[in-house]
């Protein structure tokens, strides 16, 4: 791992993939900023787990769709933990509906959190990374939009497809300065967001089960490692063979 000159910020870190990623990166010695919007109790629990295991962590409230809130959150993180050397853009929401019935506010809310939020955080993080000639950004995309389509998720698919495009573009902009930008595209992962998904869907996956959050988190761990320094602009699919 690199010399400790900063920390890792995980957005949407209070549960699911974000919480698993925060814990895994803490195991590697990164001080962790656990971002949350509404689930303060979940974020505090993740922070306490990390501290109990000997790590350093703080909870940071911010709605990533709000550019000014993102600025304030980064200021807080920098004061408490140092510069953000690793950014994991995991915050995301869903608000499903078929296109003819999809309310404009629901379209906007999903795009603003899932895509614009990653833009605001990446924009704020990347220049210090460039100056330090080291940085890792990992965007949590989805096979929805990147590989397959789900009826009723036009907003979610558009946001996640846009996130893959953002990943590739930013990767080319900053690669020469030691900063990598990659994405992971999970399939069906056992989280609160996928509660209620028919078990038949899991049985149709080649590995015959849903994935676990830690299985995505360990892929993120690789992408932020020194060993992944030649991997940038990539999307790592983590879906049990669903889209093979």
Protein backbone atom coordinates (compact mmCIF):
# COMPACT_ATOMS: atom_id res chain seq x y z
CA UNK A 1 0.00 0.00 0.00
CA UNK A 2 1.10 3.62 -0.47
CA UNK A 3 2.59 5.76 2.24
CA UNK A 4 -0.17 6.92 4.56
CA UNK A 5 -0.72 10.47 3.38
CA UNK A 6 -4.48 10.45 3.38
CA UNK A 7 -7.61 8.46 3.89
CA UNK A 8 -10.37 6.59 2.10
CA UNK A 9 -13.84 8.09 1.72
CA UNK A 10 -16.71 5.68 1.06
CA UNK A 11 -20.00 7.30 0.11
CA UNK A 12 -23.16 5.48 1.10
CA UNK A 13 -21.04 3.65 3.65
CA UNK A 14 -23.65 2.96 6.29
CA UNK A 15 -24.75 -0.45 4.98
CA UNK A 16 -24.46 -3.02 2.23
CA UNK A 17 -21.59 -2.75 -0.23
CA UNK A 18 -20.46 0.57 1.19
CA UNK A 19 -20.19 -0.74 4.75
CA UNK A 20 -18.37 -3.88 3.61
CA UNK A 21 -15.95 -1.77 1.58
CA UNK A 22 -15.25 0.55 4.51
CA UNK A 23 -14.42 -2.42 6.74
CA UNK A 24 -12.20 -4.10 4.13
CA UNK A 25 -10.21 -0.95 3.40
CA UNK A 26 -9.81 -0.34 7.12
CA UNK A 27 -8.22 -3.79 7.38
CA UNK A 28 -5.58 -2.54 4.94
CA UNK A 29 -4.78 0.37 7.25
CA UNK A 30 -6.69 3.17 5.59
CA UNK A 31 -8.34 5.73 7.88
CA UNK A 32 -11.96 5.62 6.75
CA UNK A 33 -14.56 8.34 6.30
CA UNK A 34 -17.97 6.67 6.29
CA UNK A 35 -20.39 8.92 4.44
CA UNK A 36 -24.13 8.68 4.98
CA UNK A 37 -27.18 10.73 4.13
CA UNK A 38 -30.02 9.44 6.33
CA UNK A 39 -28.78 6.30 8.10
CA UNK A 40 -26.68 7.86 10.86
CA UNK A 41 -27.08 4.83 13.13
CA UNK A 42 -25.76 2.52 10.43
CA UNK A 43 -22.75 4.75 9.76
CA UNK A 44 -21.93 5.02 13.45
CA UNK A 45 -22.14 1.24 13.77
CA UNK A 46 -19.64 0.80 10.91
CA UNK A 47 -17.32 3.35 12.50
CA UNK A 48 -17.50 1.54 15.84
CA UNK A 49 -16.75 -1.81 14.18
CA UNK A 50 -13.66 -0.36 12.52
CA UNK A 51 -12.44 1.28 15.72
CA UNK A 52 -13.06 -1.90 17.69
CA UNK A 53 -10.78 -3.71 15.24
CA UNK A 54 -8.03 -1.15 15.78
CA UNK A 55 -8.73 1.10 12.82
CA UNK A 56 -9.51 4.78 12.45
CA UNK A 57 -12.87 5.96 11.17
CA UNK A 58 -15.30 8.85 11.30
CA UNK A 59 -18.90 9.23 10.15
CA UNK A 60 -19.59 12.10 7.74
CA UNK A 61 -23.08 13.28 6.86
CA UNK A 62 -23.70 14.60 3.34
CA UNK A 63 -26.19 14.30 0.52
CA UNK A 64 -23.81 13.71 -2.38
CA UNK A 65 -26.31 15.17 -4.85
CA UNK A 66 -25.75 18.54 -3.16
CA UNK A 67 -22.47 20.06 -4.38
CA UNK A 68 -22.14 22.38 -1.38
CA UNK A 69 -22.75 19.49 1.03
CA UNK A 70 -20.00 17.55 -0.73
CA UNK A 71 -17.61 20.48 -0.28
CA UNK A 72 -18.41 20.67 3.43
CA UNK A 73 -17.97 16.91 3.84
CA UNK A 74 -14.55 16.96 2.20
CA UNK A 75 -13.50 19.87 4.39
CA UNK A 76 -14.51 17.87 7.45
CA UNK A 77 -12.71 14.74 6.28
CA UNK A 78 -9.54 16.66 5.47
CA UNK A 79 -9.52 18.27 8.90
CA UNK A 80 -10.02 14.97 10.71
CA UNK A 81 -8.20 12.39 8.57
CA UNK A 82 -6.19 14.22 5.91
CA UNK A 83 -6.55 14.33 2.15
CA UNK A 84 -8.76 11.81 0.42
CA UNK A 85 -6.41 9.43 -1.42
CA UNK A 86 -9.09 6.80 -2.09
CA UNK A 87 -12.64 7.63 -3.09
CA UNK A 88 -15.31 4.95 -3.44
CA UNK A 89 -18.50 6.33 -4.98
CA UNK A 90 -21.08 3.88 -3.69
CA UNK A 91 -24.03 6.11 -2.75
CA UNK A 92 -27.10 5.20 -4.74
CA UNK A 93 -30.88 5.12 -4.72
CA UNK A 94 -33.63 3.53 -6.79
CA UNK A 95 -37.09 4.80 -7.70
CA UNK A 96 -38.53 2.42 -10.26
CA UNK A 97 -41.27 2.95 -12.78
CA UNK A 98 -41.99 2.32 -16.45
CA UNK A 99 -40.99 5.24 -18.66
CA UNK A 100 -44.54 6.48 -19.48
CA UNK A 101 -45.39 6.63 -15.79
CA UNK A 102 -42.02 7.75 -14.40
CA UNK A 103 -42.46 11.00 -12.56
CA UNK A 104 -39.88 13.65 -13.54
CA UNK A 105 -38.90 14.13 -9.90
CA UNK A 106 -38.08 10.44 -9.56
CA UNK A 107 -35.99 10.54 -12.74
CA UNK A 108 -34.06 13.55 -11.44
CA UNK A 109 -33.56 12.21 -7.93
CA UNK A 110 -31.92 9.00 -9.13
CA UNK A 111 -29.70 10.78 -11.68
CA UNK A 112 -28.65 13.41 -9.17
CA UNK A 113 -27.60 10.93 -6.48
CA UNK A 114 -26.22 8.06 -8.56
CA UNK A 115 -24.44 10.04 -11.26
CA UNK A 116 -24.12 13.71 -10.35
CA UNK A 117 -23.12 12.74 -6.81
CA UNK A 118 -20.17 10.75 -8.14
CA UNK A 119 -19.23 13.67 -10.36
CA UNK A 120 -19.23 16.16 -7.48
CA UNK A 121 -17.16 13.94 -5.20
CA UNK A 122 -14.70 12.98 -7.94
CA UNK A 123 -14.32 16.62 -8.97
CA UNK A 124 -13.52 17.61 -5.40
CA UNK A 125 -11.12 14.71 -4.80
CA UNK A 126 -9.15 14.52 -8.01
CA UNK A 127 -6.95 17.65 -7.95
CA UNK A 128 -5.29 16.81 -4.59
CA UNK A 129 -4.73 13.29 -5.94
CA UNK A 130 -3.13 14.73 -9.07
CA UNK A 131 -0.85 16.99 -7.04
CA UNK A 132 0.20 14.02 -4.88
CA UNK A 133 0.67 11.81 -7.95
CA UNK A 134 -1.40 9.10 -6.33
CA UNK A 135 -5.10 8.47 -6.11
CA UNK A 136 -7.72 5.79 -6.50
CA UNK A 137 -11.34 6.36 -7.49
CA UNK A 138 -13.71 3.41 -7.72
CA UNK A 139 -17.29 3.92 -8.86
CA UNK A 140 -19.91 1.36 -7.94
CA UNK A 141 -21.92 0.96 -11.13
CA UNK A 142 -24.20 -1.97 -11.98
CA UNK A 143 -24.77 -4.58 -14.63
CA UNK A 144 -28.07 -2.72 -15.12
CA UNK A 145 -27.14 -0.16 -17.72
CA UNK A 146 -23.64 -1.50 -18.28
CA UNK A 147 -24.58 -5.01 -19.47
CA UNK A 148 -28.33 -5.73 -19.29
CA UNK A 149 -31.64 -3.88 -19.07
CA UNK A 150 -34.34 -4.11 -16.42
CA UNK A 151 -37.78 -2.79 -17.39
CA UNK A 152 -38.86 -0.11 -14.95
CA UNK A 153 -35.35 1.10 -14.20
CA UNK A 154 -34.69 3.64 -16.94
CA UNK A 155 -33.46 6.24 -14.44
CA UNK A 156 -31.21 3.80 -12.59
CA UNK A 157 -29.84 2.28 -15.81
CA UNK A 158 -29.14 5.69 -17.32
CA UNK A 159 -27.32 6.80 -14.18
CA UNK A 160 -25.20 3.67 -13.96
CA UNK A 161 -24.38 3.70 -17.68
CA UNK A 162 -23.38 7.33 -17.29
CA UNK A 163 -21.20 6.38 -14.34
CA UNK A 164 -19.27 3.92 -16.53
CA UNK A 165 -18.77 6.68 -19.11
CA UNK A 166 -17.59 9.08 -16.42
CA UNK A 167 -15.18 6.43 -15.16
CA UNK A 168 -13.56 5.92 -18.54
CA UNK A 169 -13.31 9.61 -19.35
CA UNK A 170 -11.83 10.70 -16.03
CA UNK A 171 -9.43 7.75 -16.14
CA UNK A 172 -7.91 9.09 -19.36
CA UNK A 173 -7.70 12.61 -17.98
CA UNK A 174 -5.64 11.73 -14.90
CA UNK A 175 -3.78 8.48 -15.67
CA UNK A 176 -0.49 10.25 -16.35
CA UNK A 177 -0.49 11.62 -12.80
CA UNK A 178 -0.68 8.29 -10.99
CA UNK A 179 -4.44 8.41 -10.43
CA UNK A 180 -6.58 5.46 -11.50
CA UNK A 181 -10.33 5.51 -12.00
CA UNK A 182 -12.24 2.26 -12.27
CA UNK A 183 -15.72 0.86 -11.74
CA UNK A 184 -17.21 -2.29 -10.35
CA UNK A 185 -20.52 -3.48 -11.78
CA UNK A 186 -22.30 -5.74 -9.29
CA UNK A 187 -25.13 -8.03 -10.26
CA UNK A 188 -27.62 -9.31 -7.71
CA UNK A 189 -26.06 -8.64 -4.31
CA UNK A 190 -27.77 -9.40 -1.02
CA UNK A 191 -28.47 -5.89 0.32
CA UNK A 192 -31.44 -3.91 1.57
CA UNK A 193 -31.91 -2.55 -1.96
CA UNK A 194 -32.51 -6.05 -3.34
CA UNK A 195 -34.87 -7.24 -0.60
CA UNK A 196 -37.91 -8.83 -2.16
CA UNK A 197 -36.19 -9.98 -5.35
CA UNK A 198 -37.66 -13.33 -6.37
CA UNK A 199 -35.46 -16.25 -5.32
CA UNK A 200 -35.93 -17.66 -8.82
CA UNK A 201 -33.74 -14.83 -10.08
CA UNK A 202 -30.88 -15.99 -7.87
CA UNK A 203 -31.32 -19.59 -8.99
CA UNK A 204 -30.99 -18.46 -12.61
CA UNK A 205 -27.51 -17.02 -11.95
CA UNK A 206 -24.78 -19.49 -12.99
CA UNK A 207 -23.35 -19.64 -9.45
CA UNK A 208 -26.93 -20.28 -8.20
CA UNK A 209 -27.01 -17.59 -5.54
CA UNK A 210 -26.93 -13.87 -4.89
CA UNK A 211 -23.59 -12.29 -4.15
CA UNK A 212 -22.55 -10.92 -0.78
CA UNK A 213 -21.42 -7.32 -0.16
CA UNK A 214 -17.95 -8.41 0.93
CA UNK A 215 -17.42 -10.09 -2.44
CA UNK A 216 -17.78 -6.72 -4.14
CA UNK A 217 -15.72 -5.02 -1.43
CA UNK A 218 -12.74 -7.27 -2.07
CA UNK A 219 -12.84 -6.32 -5.75
CA UNK A 220 -12.73 -2.67 -4.71
CA UNK A 221 -9.80 -3.53 -2.42
CA UNK A 222 -7.84 -4.79 -5.42
CA UNK A 223 -8.62 -1.74 -7.54
CA UNK A 224 -7.33 0.66 -4.86
CA UNK A 225 -4.15 -1.35 -4.27
CA UNK A 226 -0.69 -0.58 -5.61
CA UNK A 227 -0.89 -3.85 -7.53
CA UNK A 228 -3.70 -2.38 -9.63
CA UNK A 229 -1.64 0.61 -10.75
CA UNK A 230 -1.87 -0.47 -14.42
CA UNK A 231 -5.64 -0.95 -14.28
CA UNK A 232 -7.61 2.18 -15.13
CA UNK A 233 -10.73 2.98 -17.07
CA UNK A 234 -11.94 -0.57 -16.47
CA UNK A 235 -15.25 -1.95 -15.28
CA UNK A 236 -14.98 -5.12 -13.23
CA UNK A 237 -18.20 -7.13 -13.44
CA UNK A 238 -19.13 -8.94 -10.21
CA UNK A 239 -22.29 -10.84 -11.06
CA UNK A 240 -21.77 -14.57 -10.61
CA UNK A 241 -21.80 -15.09 -14.36
CA UNK A 242 -25.24 -13.54 -14.89
CA UNK A 243 -24.15 -11.56 -17.95
CA UNK A 244 -21.54 -14.01 -19.26
